[in-house]
């Protein structure tokens, strides 16, 4: 996972206080994850690391665009993303795990924190469950009308064929008489 090495923040040499880091996220980032919902995108992540005695507080802001496939017309479109989250990294000596999703437990012997998975999860979770071209908020973006009409025609023919099969079956005719 060499492309993800740049997403590690070495914190051992940092003074207590706030520090800024910037990361560019491109297609190579998404290629490093096997089953990513997002395959292409251009994003910039700004991380403010607040180093304290017993923990690190990460304020993460991600802005940019990702390419998604429309669930209605199947065409590819660009969707804007603007994500702001907080992540807490606590130091532990006995390898405890945290139940809180906002808290990451890190061994005291560690000298850097890898935020690639955190960024990946934030981006994928912010992708809408149902994706439509029209709902991107980008002016002029709309579904491919030719493809939508084609899909509607195909689904209409399928329903019509199913209705014909139902009326031809004598068992259904007998059941209709019971009404």
N, C-alpha and C. Protein backbone atom coordinates (compact mmCIF):
# COMPACT_ATOMS: atom_id res chain seq x y z
N UNK A 1 0.83 -1.19 0.00
CA UNK A 1 0.00 0.00 0.00
C UNK A 1 0.86 1.25 0.00
N UNK A 2 1.77 1.34 -0.91
CA UNK A 2 2.67 2.49 -0.98
C UNK A 2 1.95 3.81 -1.23
N UNK A 3 0.88 3.85 -2.04
CA UNK A 3 0.23 5.14 -2.25
C UNK A 3 -0.39 5.71 -0.98
N UNK A 4 -0.61 4.89 0.03
CA UNK A 4 -1.22 5.36 1.27
C UNK A 4 -0.20 5.79 2.31
N UNK A 5 1.07 5.61 2.05
CA UNK A 5 2.13 5.98 3.00
C UNK A 5 2.10 7.48 3.29
N UNK A 6 1.72 8.28 2.29
CA UNK A 6 1.70 9.73 2.48
C UNK A 6 0.61 10.19 3.45
N UNK A 7 -0.32 9.30 3.82
CA UNK A 7 -1.41 9.66 4.72
C UNK A 7 -1.10 9.31 6.18
N UNK A 8 0.16 9.15 6.49
CA UNK A 8 0.59 8.92 7.87
C UNK A 8 1.13 10.24 8.43
N UNK A 9 0.72 10.55 9.65
CA UNK A 9 1.16 11.78 10.30
C UNK A 9 2.11 11.40 11.44
N UNK A 10 3.40 11.74 11.31
CA UNK A 10 4.33 11.49 12.43
C UNK A 10 4.11 12.56 13.50
N UNK A 11 3.81 12.12 14.71
CA UNK A 11 3.48 13.08 15.77
C UNK A 11 4.52 13.12 16.89
N UNK A 12 5.51 12.25 16.87
CA UNK A 12 6.46 12.21 17.99
C UNK A 12 7.31 13.47 18.10
N UNK A 13 7.70 14.08 17.02
CA UNK A 13 8.55 15.26 17.08
C UNK A 13 7.79 16.56 17.19
N UNK A 14 6.46 16.49 17.22
CA UNK A 14 5.65 17.71 17.26
C UNK A 14 5.51 18.24 18.69
N UNK A 15 5.47 19.55 18.81
CA UNK A 15 5.24 20.17 20.11
C UNK A 15 3.76 20.07 20.47
N UNK A 16 3.45 20.21 21.74
CA UNK A 16 2.06 20.21 22.17
C UNK A 16 1.40 21.47 21.59
N UNK A 17 0.24 21.28 20.99
CA UNK A 17 -0.47 22.38 20.36
C UNK A 17 -1.05 21.93 19.02
N UNK A 18 -1.47 22.92 18.22
CA UNK A 18 -2.14 22.63 16.95
C UNK A 18 -1.16 22.68 15.79
N UNK A 19 -1.36 21.73 14.85
CA UNK A 19 -0.52 21.62 13.66
C UNK A 19 -1.42 21.34 12.46
N UNK A 20 -1.08 21.91 11.31
CA UNK A 20 -1.88 21.75 10.09
C UNK A 20 -1.20 20.79 9.11
N UNK A 21 -2.01 19.95 8.48
CA UNK A 21 -1.54 19.03 7.43
C UNK A 21 -2.54 19.05 6.29
N UNK A 22 -2.04 18.94 5.06
CA UNK A 22 -2.90 18.88 3.89
C UNK A 22 -2.55 17.65 3.06
N UNK A 23 -3.59 17.01 2.55
CA UNK A 23 -3.41 15.81 1.75
C UNK A 23 -4.25 15.92 0.48
N UNK A 24 -3.69 15.53 -0.64
CA UNK A 24 -4.41 15.47 -1.90
C UNK A 24 -4.86 14.04 -2.13
N UNK A 25 -6.15 13.89 -2.40
CA UNK A 25 -6.73 12.57 -2.63
C UNK A 25 -7.12 12.48 -4.10
N UNK A 26 -6.60 11.46 -4.79
CA UNK A 26 -6.91 11.28 -6.20
C UNK A 26 -7.26 9.82 -6.46
N UNK A 27 -7.28 9.43 -7.73
CA UNK A 27 -7.69 8.08 -8.10
C UNK A 27 -6.80 7.00 -7.52
N UNK A 28 -5.51 7.28 -7.33
CA UNK A 28 -4.61 6.26 -6.77
C UNK A 28 -4.99 5.92 -5.33
N UNK A 29 -5.56 6.89 -4.61
CA UNK A 29 -6.04 6.64 -3.25
C UNK A 29 -7.17 5.61 -3.27
N UNK A 30 -8.14 5.80 -4.17
CA UNK A 30 -9.29 4.89 -4.23
C UNK A 30 -8.89 3.53 -4.80
N UNK A 31 -7.88 3.49 -5.67
CA UNK A 31 -7.40 2.22 -6.23
C UNK A 31 -6.78 1.33 -5.15
N UNK A 32 -6.29 1.93 -4.08
CA UNK A 32 -5.66 1.17 -3.00
C UNK A 32 -6.67 0.38 -2.17
N UNK A 33 -7.95 0.74 -2.27
CA UNK A 33 -9.01 0.05 -1.55
C UNK A 33 -9.80 -0.80 -2.55
N UNK A 34 -9.90 -2.09 -2.26
CA UNK A 34 -10.42 -3.04 -3.24
C UNK A 34 -11.89 -2.83 -3.60
N UNK A 35 -12.76 -2.62 -2.63
CA UNK A 35 -14.20 -2.55 -2.89
C UNK A 35 -14.75 -1.16 -2.63
N UNK A 36 -14.10 -0.16 -3.12
CA UNK A 36 -14.51 1.22 -2.88
C UNK A 36 -15.74 1.58 -3.71
N UNK A 37 -16.69 2.28 -3.09
CA UNK A 37 -17.84 2.80 -3.82
C UNK A 37 -17.41 3.87 -4.82
N UNK A 38 -16.41 4.62 -4.42
CA UNK A 38 -15.89 5.70 -5.25
C UNK A 38 -14.63 5.20 -5.94
N UNK A 39 -14.58 5.33 -7.24
CA UNK A 39 -13.41 4.89 -8.02
C UNK A 39 -12.56 6.08 -8.47
N UNK A 40 -13.19 7.24 -8.64
CA UNK A 40 -12.48 8.42 -9.11
C UNK A 40 -12.90 9.62 -8.29
N UNK A 41 -11.96 10.52 -8.09
CA UNK A 41 -12.28 11.75 -7.38
C UNK A 41 -11.05 12.62 -7.22
N UNK A 42 -11.30 13.90 -7.00
CA UNK A 42 -10.25 14.86 -6.73
C UNK A 42 -10.68 15.61 -5.47
N UNK A 43 -9.98 15.34 -4.38
CA UNK A 43 -10.35 15.92 -3.09
C UNK A 43 -9.11 16.46 -2.38
N UNK A 44 -9.34 17.38 -1.49
CA UNK A 44 -8.27 17.90 -0.66
C UNK A 44 -8.72 17.76 0.80
N UNK A 45 -7.87 17.13 1.59
CA UNK A 45 -8.16 16.93 3.01
C UNK A 45 -7.25 17.84 3.83
N UNK A 46 -7.86 18.63 4.69
CA UNK A 46 -7.12 19.49 5.61
C UNK A 46 -7.30 18.91 7.01
N UNK A 47 -6.20 18.62 7.66
CA UNK A 47 -6.25 18.02 8.99
C UNK A 47 -5.56 18.95 9.98
N UNK A 48 -6.32 19.31 11.02
CA UNK A 48 -5.73 20.08 12.11
C UNK A 48 -5.52 19.12 13.27
N UNK A 49 -4.26 18.89 13.61
CA UNK A 49 -3.91 17.97 14.68
C UNK A 49 -3.62 18.78 15.93
N UNK A 50 -4.40 18.53 16.97
CA UNK A 50 -4.18 19.18 18.26
C UNK A 50 -3.53 18.14 19.18
N UNK A 51 -2.20 18.28 19.38
CA UNK A 51 -1.47 17.32 20.19
C UNK A 51 -1.58 17.72 21.65
N UNK A 52 -1.99 16.76 22.47
CA UNK A 52 -2.08 16.96 23.92
C UNK A 52 -1.25 15.87 24.59
N UNK A 53 -1.16 15.93 25.91
CA UNK A 53 -0.33 14.96 26.65
C UNK A 53 -0.78 13.51 26.44
N UNK A 54 -2.08 13.27 26.51
CA UNK A 54 -2.58 11.89 26.49
C UNK A 54 -3.37 11.53 25.24
N UNK A 55 -3.53 12.49 24.32
CA UNK A 55 -4.33 12.19 23.12
C UNK A 55 -4.02 13.17 22.00
N UNK A 56 -4.53 12.83 20.83
CA UNK A 56 -4.49 13.69 19.66
C UNK A 56 -5.93 13.94 19.23
N UNK A 57 -6.25 15.18 18.90
CA UNK A 57 -7.57 15.50 18.39
C UNK A 57 -7.40 15.95 16.95
N UNK A 58 -8.05 15.22 16.04
CA UNK A 58 -7.94 15.52 14.62
C UNK A 58 -9.24 16.16 14.14
N UNK A 59 -9.15 17.37 13.62
CA UNK A 59 -10.28 18.02 12.96
C UNK A 59 -10.04 17.85 11.47
N UNK A 60 -10.89 17.09 10.81
CA UNK A 60 -10.68 16.74 9.41
C UNK A 60 -11.74 17.42 8.54
N UNK A 61 -11.27 18.09 7.50
CA UNK A 61 -12.18 18.73 6.54
C UNK A 61 -11.78 18.26 5.14
N UNK A 62 -12.73 17.68 4.43
CA UNK A 62 -12.49 17.15 3.09
C UNK A 62 -13.41 17.86 2.11
N UNK A 63 -12.82 18.43 1.07
CA UNK A 63 -13.61 19.09 0.02
C UNK A 63 -13.15 18.62 -1.34
N UNK A 64 -14.09 18.54 -2.28
CA UNK A 64 -13.74 18.17 -3.64
C UNK A 64 -14.90 17.52 -4.34
N UNK A 65 -14.59 16.77 -5.38
CA UNK A 65 -15.61 16.10 -6.17
C UNK A 65 -15.25 14.63 -6.37
N UNK A 66 -16.28 13.81 -6.51
CA UNK A 66 -16.11 12.39 -6.81
C UNK A 66 -17.01 12.03 -7.98
N UNK A 67 -16.64 11.01 -8.73
CA UNK A 67 -17.46 10.53 -9.83
C UNK A 67 -18.29 9.35 -9.35
N UNK A 68 -19.60 9.43 -9.61
CA UNK A 68 -20.52 8.39 -9.21
C UNK A 68 -21.35 7.96 -10.40
N UNK A 69 -22.01 6.82 -10.29
CA UNK A 69 -22.93 6.35 -11.32
C UNK A 69 -24.35 6.63 -10.87
N UNK A 70 -25.13 7.24 -11.75
CA UNK A 70 -26.52 7.57 -11.45
C UNK A 70 -27.34 6.28 -11.35
N UNK A 71 -28.18 6.18 -10.35
CA UNK A 71 -29.01 4.99 -10.17
C UNK A 71 -30.24 5.01 -11.07
N UNK A 72 -30.52 6.17 -11.67
CA UNK A 72 -31.70 6.29 -12.52
C UNK A 72 -31.37 6.07 -14.00
N UNK A 73 -30.35 6.79 -14.50
CA UNK A 73 -30.04 6.71 -15.94
C UNK A 73 -28.72 6.00 -16.22
N UNK A 74 -28.01 5.55 -15.19
CA UNK A 74 -26.78 4.78 -15.29
C UNK A 74 -25.58 5.56 -15.84
N UNK A 75 -25.71 6.86 -16.03
CA UNK A 75 -24.59 7.64 -16.55
C UNK A 75 -23.69 8.10 -15.39
N UNK A 76 -22.47 8.41 -15.72
CA UNK A 76 -21.50 8.86 -14.73
C UNK A 76 -21.65 10.37 -14.54
N UNK A 77 -21.59 10.84 -13.29
CA UNK A 77 -21.69 12.26 -13.02
C UNK A 77 -20.76 12.64 -11.88
N UNK A 78 -20.46 13.91 -11.79
CA UNK A 78 -19.57 14.43 -10.76
C UNK A 78 -20.39 15.00 -9.63
N UNK A 79 -20.10 14.55 -8.42
CA UNK A 79 -20.84 15.03 -7.24
C UNK A 79 -19.88 15.73 -6.29
N UNK A 80 -20.28 16.89 -5.77
CA UNK A 80 -19.42 17.60 -4.82
C UNK A 80 -19.52 16.97 -3.42
N UNK A 81 -18.42 17.02 -2.68
CA UNK A 81 -18.40 16.55 -1.29
C UNK A 81 -17.79 17.62 -0.40
N UNK A 82 -18.36 17.81 0.76
CA UNK A 82 -17.83 18.72 1.76
C UNK A 82 -18.08 18.06 3.12
N UNK A 83 -17.02 17.55 3.73
CA UNK A 83 -17.13 16.75 4.95
C UNK A 83 -16.29 17.40 6.05
N UNK A 84 -16.85 17.50 7.23
CA UNK A 84 -16.10 17.96 8.40
C UNK A 84 -16.39 17.00 9.55
N UNK A 85 -15.34 16.42 10.09
CA UNK A 85 -15.47 15.44 11.18
C UNK A 85 -14.35 15.63 12.19
N UNK A 86 -14.56 15.06 13.35
CA UNK A 86 -13.54 15.06 14.40
C UNK A 86 -13.21 13.62 14.75
N UNK A 87 -11.93 13.36 14.96
CA UNK A 87 -11.47 12.03 15.35
C UNK A 87 -10.51 12.21 16.53
N UNK A 88 -10.66 11.37 17.54
CA UNK A 88 -9.81 11.42 18.73
C UNK A 88 -8.92 10.19 18.75
N UNK A 89 -7.63 10.40 19.00
CA UNK A 89 -6.68 9.30 19.11
C UNK A 89 -6.14 9.31 20.54
N UNK A 90 -6.42 8.24 21.28
CA UNK A 90 -5.94 8.13 22.65
C UNK A 90 -4.80 7.12 22.71
N UNK A 91 -3.86 7.39 23.61
CA UNK A 91 -2.71 6.50 23.77
C UNK A 91 -3.00 5.51 24.89
N UNK A 92 -2.62 4.26 24.66
CA UNK A 92 -2.82 3.21 25.65
C UNK A 92 -1.58 2.33 25.70
N UNK A 93 -1.41 1.63 26.82
CA UNK A 93 -0.26 0.74 26.95
C UNK A 93 -0.63 -0.72 26.83
N UNK A 94 -1.90 -1.04 26.98
CA UNK A 94 -2.28 -2.45 26.98
C UNK A 94 -3.13 -2.85 25.77
N UNK A 95 -3.12 -2.08 24.71
CA UNK A 95 -3.81 -2.45 23.47
C UNK A 95 -5.31 -2.54 23.57
N UNK A 96 -5.94 -1.74 24.41
CA UNK A 96 -7.39 -1.75 24.54
C UNK A 96 -8.04 -1.23 23.26
N UNK A 97 -9.24 -1.69 23.00
CA UNK A 97 -10.03 -1.21 21.87
C UNK A 97 -11.15 -0.34 22.40
N UNK A 98 -11.54 0.65 21.63
CA UNK A 98 -12.61 1.55 22.03
C UNK A 98 -13.92 1.15 21.36
N UNK A 99 -15.03 1.27 22.10
CA UNK A 99 -16.35 1.01 21.54
C UNK A 99 -16.87 2.22 20.78
N UNK A 100 -16.34 3.39 21.11
CA UNK A 100 -16.75 4.64 20.48
C UNK A 100 -16.08 4.76 19.11
N UNK A 101 -16.87 5.02 18.06
CA UNK A 101 -16.32 5.12 16.71
C UNK A 101 -15.48 6.37 16.51
N UNK A 102 -15.66 7.34 17.38
CA UNK A 102 -14.92 8.59 17.26
C UNK A 102 -13.53 8.50 17.90
N UNK A 103 -13.29 7.44 18.67
CA UNK A 103 -12.03 7.31 19.40
C UNK A 103 -11.23 6.13 18.84
N UNK A 104 -9.97 6.41 18.52
CA UNK A 104 -9.04 5.37 18.08
C UNK A 104 -8.03 5.18 19.20
N UNK A 105 -7.78 3.94 19.56
CA UNK A 105 -6.78 3.64 20.58
C UNK A 105 -5.47 3.30 19.87
N UNK A 106 -4.38 3.95 20.31
CA UNK A 106 -3.07 3.78 19.68
C UNK A 106 -2.05 3.45 20.76
N UNK A 107 -1.19 2.49 20.50
CA UNK A 107 -0.16 2.10 21.45
C UNK A 107 0.82 3.26 21.67
N UNK A 108 1.29 3.43 22.88
CA UNK A 108 2.23 4.52 23.22
C UNK A 108 3.54 4.40 22.44
N UNK A 109 3.88 3.21 21.98
CA UNK A 109 5.12 3.00 21.24
C UNK A 109 5.03 3.52 19.80
N UNK A 110 3.83 3.73 19.31
CA UNK A 110 3.65 4.21 17.94
C UNK A 110 4.18 5.63 17.79
N UNK A 111 4.69 5.93 16.60
CA UNK A 111 5.24 7.26 16.37
C UNK A 111 4.47 8.04 15.32
N UNK A 112 3.51 7.38 14.66
CA UNK A 112 2.69 8.06 13.67
C UNK A 112 1.29 7.46 13.63
N UNK A 113 0.36 8.26 13.12
CA UNK A 113 -1.02 7.79 13.00
C UNK A 113 -1.38 7.79 11.51
N UNK A 114 -1.90 6.66 11.05
CA UNK A 114 -2.29 6.50 9.65
C UNK A 114 -3.76 6.91 9.52
N UNK A 115 -4.04 7.95 8.74
CA UNK A 115 -5.42 8.43 8.61
C UNK A 115 -6.05 8.02 7.28
N UNK A 116 -5.39 7.16 6.50
CA UNK A 116 -5.93 6.79 5.20
C UNK A 116 -7.30 6.10 5.32
N UNK A 117 -7.44 5.18 6.26
CA UNK A 117 -8.72 4.48 6.43
C UNK A 117 -9.79 5.41 6.96
N UNK A 118 -9.41 6.35 7.80
CA UNK A 118 -10.37 7.33 8.32
C UNK A 118 -10.91 8.17 7.16
N UNK A 119 -10.02 8.66 6.31
CA UNK A 119 -10.43 9.47 5.16
C UNK A 119 -11.30 8.65 4.21
N UNK A 120 -10.89 7.42 3.96
CA UNK A 120 -11.64 6.53 3.06
C UNK A 120 -13.07 6.32 3.58
N UNK A 121 -13.20 6.03 4.87
CA UNK A 121 -14.53 5.79 5.45
C UNK A 121 -15.38 7.05 5.42
N UNK A 122 -14.79 8.20 5.71
CA UNK A 122 -15.55 9.45 5.68
C UNK A 122 -16.09 9.73 4.28
N UNK A 123 -15.27 9.52 3.28
CA UNK A 123 -15.69 9.78 1.90
C UNK A 123 -16.79 8.81 1.49
N UNK A 124 -16.61 7.52 1.76
CA UNK A 124 -17.60 6.53 1.34
C UNK A 124 -18.91 6.66 2.10
N UNK A 125 -18.86 7.04 3.36
CA UNK A 125 -20.09 7.22 4.12
C UNK A 125 -20.86 8.45 3.65
N UNK A 126 -20.15 9.45 3.15
CA UNK A 126 -20.83 10.67 2.71
C UNK A 126 -21.46 10.54 1.33
N UNK A 127 -21.14 9.47 0.60
CA UNK A 127 -21.77 9.23 -0.69
C UNK A 127 -23.23 8.86 -0.44
N UNK A 128 -24.16 9.52 -1.13
CA UNK A 128 -25.58 9.22 -0.90
C UNK A 128 -25.90 7.76 -1.23
N UNK A 129 -26.85 7.21 -0.49
CA UNK A 129 -27.25 5.81 -0.70
C UNK A 129 -27.88 5.65 -2.08
N UNK A 130 -28.75 6.59 -2.44
CA UNK A 130 -29.36 6.62 -3.76
C UNK A 130 -28.80 7.83 -4.48
N UNK A 131 -28.19 7.59 -5.63
CA UNK A 131 -27.47 8.65 -6.34
C UNK A 131 -28.19 9.01 -7.62
N UNK A 132 -28.60 10.28 -7.74
CA UNK A 132 -29.24 10.79 -8.96
C UNK A 132 -28.47 11.98 -9.47
N UNK A 133 -28.36 12.09 -10.80
CA UNK A 133 -27.67 13.22 -11.43
C UNK A 133 -28.29 14.55 -10.99
N UNK A 134 -29.61 14.60 -10.92
CA UNK A 134 -30.31 15.85 -10.63
C UNK A 134 -30.09 16.34 -9.21
N UNK A 135 -29.76 15.46 -8.29
CA UNK A 135 -29.65 15.84 -6.89
C UNK A 135 -28.25 16.28 -6.48
N UNK A 136 -27.37 16.52 -7.44
CA UNK A 136 -26.00 16.91 -7.11
C UNK A 136 -25.91 18.36 -6.68
N UNK A 137 -26.89 19.17 -7.06
CA UNK A 137 -26.82 20.58 -6.75
C UNK A 137 -26.02 21.36 -7.78
N UNK A 138 -25.46 20.66 -8.78
CA UNK A 138 -24.71 21.31 -9.84
C UNK A 138 -25.69 21.75 -10.92
N UNK A 139 -25.62 23.01 -11.30
CA UNK A 139 -26.54 23.57 -12.27
C UNK A 139 -26.36 22.89 -13.63
N UNK A 140 -27.47 22.55 -14.27
CA UNK A 140 -27.42 21.94 -15.59
C UNK A 140 -27.26 20.43 -15.58
N UNK A 141 -27.13 19.82 -14.42
CA UNK A 141 -26.98 18.37 -14.40
C UNK A 141 -28.36 17.72 -14.34
N UNK A 142 -28.62 16.86 -15.29
CA UNK A 142 -29.88 16.13 -15.30
C UNK A 142 -29.66 14.77 -15.94
N UNK A 143 -30.58 13.89 -15.68
CA UNK A 143 -30.45 12.52 -16.17
C UNK A 143 -30.54 12.47 -17.69
N UNK A 144 -29.93 11.44 -18.25
CA UNK A 144 -29.96 11.19 -19.68
C UNK A 144 -31.38 10.74 -20.04
N UNK A 145 -32.15 11.64 -20.68
CA UNK A 145 -33.57 11.36 -20.95
C UNK A 145 -33.75 10.17 -21.90
N UNK A 146 -32.85 10.01 -22.85
CA UNK A 146 -32.94 8.89 -23.79
C UNK A 146 -32.83 7.56 -23.05
N UNK A 147 -31.88 7.48 -22.12
CA UNK A 147 -31.67 6.25 -21.36
C UNK A 147 -32.86 5.98 -20.43
N UNK A 148 -33.39 7.03 -19.80
CA UNK A 148 -34.53 6.86 -18.90
C UNK A 148 -35.74 6.34 -19.67
N UNK A 149 -35.99 6.90 -20.86
CA UNK A 149 -37.12 6.44 -21.69
C UNK A 149 -36.93 4.98 -22.10
N UNK A 150 -35.70 4.64 -22.46
CA UNK A 150 -35.41 3.27 -22.87
C UNK A 150 -35.67 2.29 -21.71
N UNK A 151 -35.22 2.66 -20.51
CA UNK A 151 -35.43 1.80 -19.34
C UNK A 151 -36.91 1.69 -18.99
N UNK A 152 -37.65 2.79 -19.12
CA UNK A 152 -39.09 2.75 -18.83
C UNK A 152 -39.82 1.86 -19.84
N UNK A 153 -39.43 1.94 -21.11
CA UNK A 153 -40.05 1.09 -22.13
C UNK A 153 -39.78 -0.38 -21.85
N UNK A 154 -38.54 -0.70 -21.49
CA UNK A 154 -38.20 -2.08 -21.19
C UNK A 154 -38.94 -2.59 -19.96
N UNK A 155 -39.07 -1.77 -18.93
CA UNK A 155 -39.78 -2.21 -17.73
C UNK A 155 -41.27 -2.31 -17.99
N UNK A 156 -41.81 -1.48 -18.88
CA UNK A 156 -43.23 -1.55 -19.24
C UNK A 156 -43.55 -2.82 -19.99
N UNK A 157 -42.67 -3.22 -20.92
CA UNK A 157 -42.86 -4.46 -21.68
C UNK A 157 -42.80 -5.67 -20.76
N UNK A 158 -41.93 -5.65 -19.79
CA UNK A 158 -41.80 -6.76 -18.86
C UNK A 158 -43.07 -6.91 -18.04
N UNK A 159 -43.63 -5.79 -17.56
CA UNK A 159 -44.86 -5.86 -16.79
C UNK A 159 -46.00 -6.37 -17.65
N UNK A 160 -46.08 -5.90 -18.91
CA UNK A 160 -47.14 -6.34 -19.81
C UNK A 160 -47.03 -7.84 -20.09
N UNK A 161 -45.82 -8.34 -20.29
CA UNK A 161 -45.61 -9.78 -20.52
C UNK A 161 -46.00 -10.59 -19.29
N UNK A 162 -45.69 -10.09 -18.09
CA UNK A 162 -46.06 -10.80 -16.86
C UNK A 162 -47.57 -10.86 -16.71
N UNK A 163 -48.29 -9.78 -17.08
CA UNK A 163 -49.74 -9.77 -16.97
C UNK A 163 -50.35 -10.79 -17.94
N UNK A 164 -49.79 -10.88 -19.15
CA UNK A 164 -50.28 -11.85 -20.12
C UNK A 164 -50.09 -13.27 -19.60
N UNK A 165 -48.95 -13.56 -18.99
CA UNK A 165 -48.70 -14.90 -18.47
C UNK A 165 -49.67 -15.22 -17.35
N UNK A 166 -50.00 -14.25 -16.53
CA UNK A 166 -50.92 -14.48 -15.42
C UNK A 166 -52.32 -14.79 -15.94
N UNK A 167 -52.79 -14.05 -16.96
CA UNK A 167 -54.14 -14.28 -17.47
C UNK A 167 -54.23 -15.60 -18.23
N UNK A 168 -53.16 -16.09 -18.81
CA UNK A 168 -53.18 -17.34 -19.55
C UNK A 168 -53.23 -18.56 -18.64
N UNK A 169 -52.77 -18.45 -17.43
CA UNK A 169 -52.72 -19.58 -16.51
C UNK A 169 -54.13 -19.84 -15.95
N UNK A 170 -54.71 -21.03 -16.15
CA UNK A 170 -56.08 -21.33 -15.70
C UNK A 170 -56.23 -21.30 -14.17
N UNK A 171 -55.15 -21.54 -13.45
CA UNK A 171 -55.26 -21.49 -11.98
C UNK A 171 -55.58 -20.07 -11.53
N UNK A 172 -54.98 -19.09 -12.22
CA UNK A 172 -55.26 -17.69 -11.85
C UNK A 172 -56.70 -17.34 -12.18
N UNK A 173 -57.23 -17.87 -13.28
CA UNK A 173 -58.62 -17.60 -13.65
C UNK A 173 -59.55 -18.15 -12.57
N UNK A 174 -59.25 -19.33 -12.06
CA UNK A 174 -60.07 -19.93 -11.00
C UNK A 174 -59.99 -19.09 -9.71
N UNK A 175 -58.83 -18.57 -9.41
CA UNK A 175 -58.68 -17.73 -8.22
C UNK A 175 -59.39 -16.40 -8.37
N UNK A 176 -59.43 -15.88 -9.57
CA UNK A 176 -60.13 -14.60 -9.80
C UNK A 176 -61.62 -14.75 -9.60
N UNK A 177 -62.17 -15.95 -9.88
CA UNK A 177 -63.60 -16.19 -9.68
C UNK A 177 -63.98 -16.14 -8.22
N UNK A 178 -63.01 -16.40 -7.33
CA UNK A 178 -63.30 -16.40 -5.90
C UNK A 178 -63.57 -14.99 -5.36
N UNK A 179 -63.13 -13.97 -6.08
CA UNK A 179 -63.34 -12.59 -5.64
C UNK A 179 -64.76 -12.29 -5.57
